[in-house]
């Protein structure tokens, strides 16, 4: 899967979420991953 496709999928999932939920997901990803977009 290309980075472009991964970013598109992430955006599609994040757009409908409330801001606080997006913030929590991002914080969890930053704390628990290597920074790889596929992990997000």
Protein backbone atom coordinates (compact mmCIF):
# COMPACT_ATOMS: atom_id res chain seq x y z
CA UNK A 1 0.00 0.00 0.00
CA UNK A 2 1.37 3.40 -0.89
CA UNK A 3 1.79 6.27 1.54
CA UNK A 4 -0.80 8.23 -0.44
CA UNK A 5 -3.37 5.44 0.00
CA UNK A 6 -2.59 5.14 3.70
CA UNK A 7 -3.00 8.90 4.21
CA UNK A 8 -6.30 8.84 2.32
CA UNK A 9 -7.62 5.99 4.49
CA UNK A 10 -6.54 7.78 7.70
CA UNK A 11 -8.20 11.01 6.57
CA UNK A 12 -11.44 9.21 5.69
CA UNK A 13 -11.57 7.68 9.16
CA UNK A 14 -10.57 10.82 11.07
CA UNK A 15 -12.82 13.38 9.36
CA UNK A 16 -16.10 12.22 10.94
CA UNK A 17 -14.63 11.93 14.46
CA UNK A 18 -14.96 14.65 17.10
CA UNK A 19 -11.79 16.66 17.76
CA UNK A 20 -11.12 15.20 21.20
CA UNK A 21 -11.28 11.64 19.85
CA UNK A 22 -8.84 12.52 17.03
CA UNK A 23 -6.48 14.06 19.59
CA UNK A 24 -6.60 10.93 21.76
CA UNK A 25 -5.96 8.63 18.78
CA UNK A 26 -2.99 10.73 17.68
CA UNK A 27 -1.51 10.78 21.19
CA UNK A 28 -1.87 7.00 21.50
CA UNK A 29 -0.20 6.50 18.12
CA UNK A 30 2.71 8.82 19.00
CA UNK A 31 3.27 7.09 22.33
CA UNK A 32 2.86 3.47 21.19
CA UNK A 33 4.27 3.31 17.66
CA UNK A 34 7.44 3.75 15.69
CA UNK A 35 5.83 6.63 13.79
CA UNK A 36 4.90 4.45 10.82
CA UNK A 37 1.67 5.61 9.13
CA UNK A 38 0.59 1.98 8.67
CA UNK A 39 0.50 1.63 12.48
CA UNK A 40 -1.92 4.54 12.69
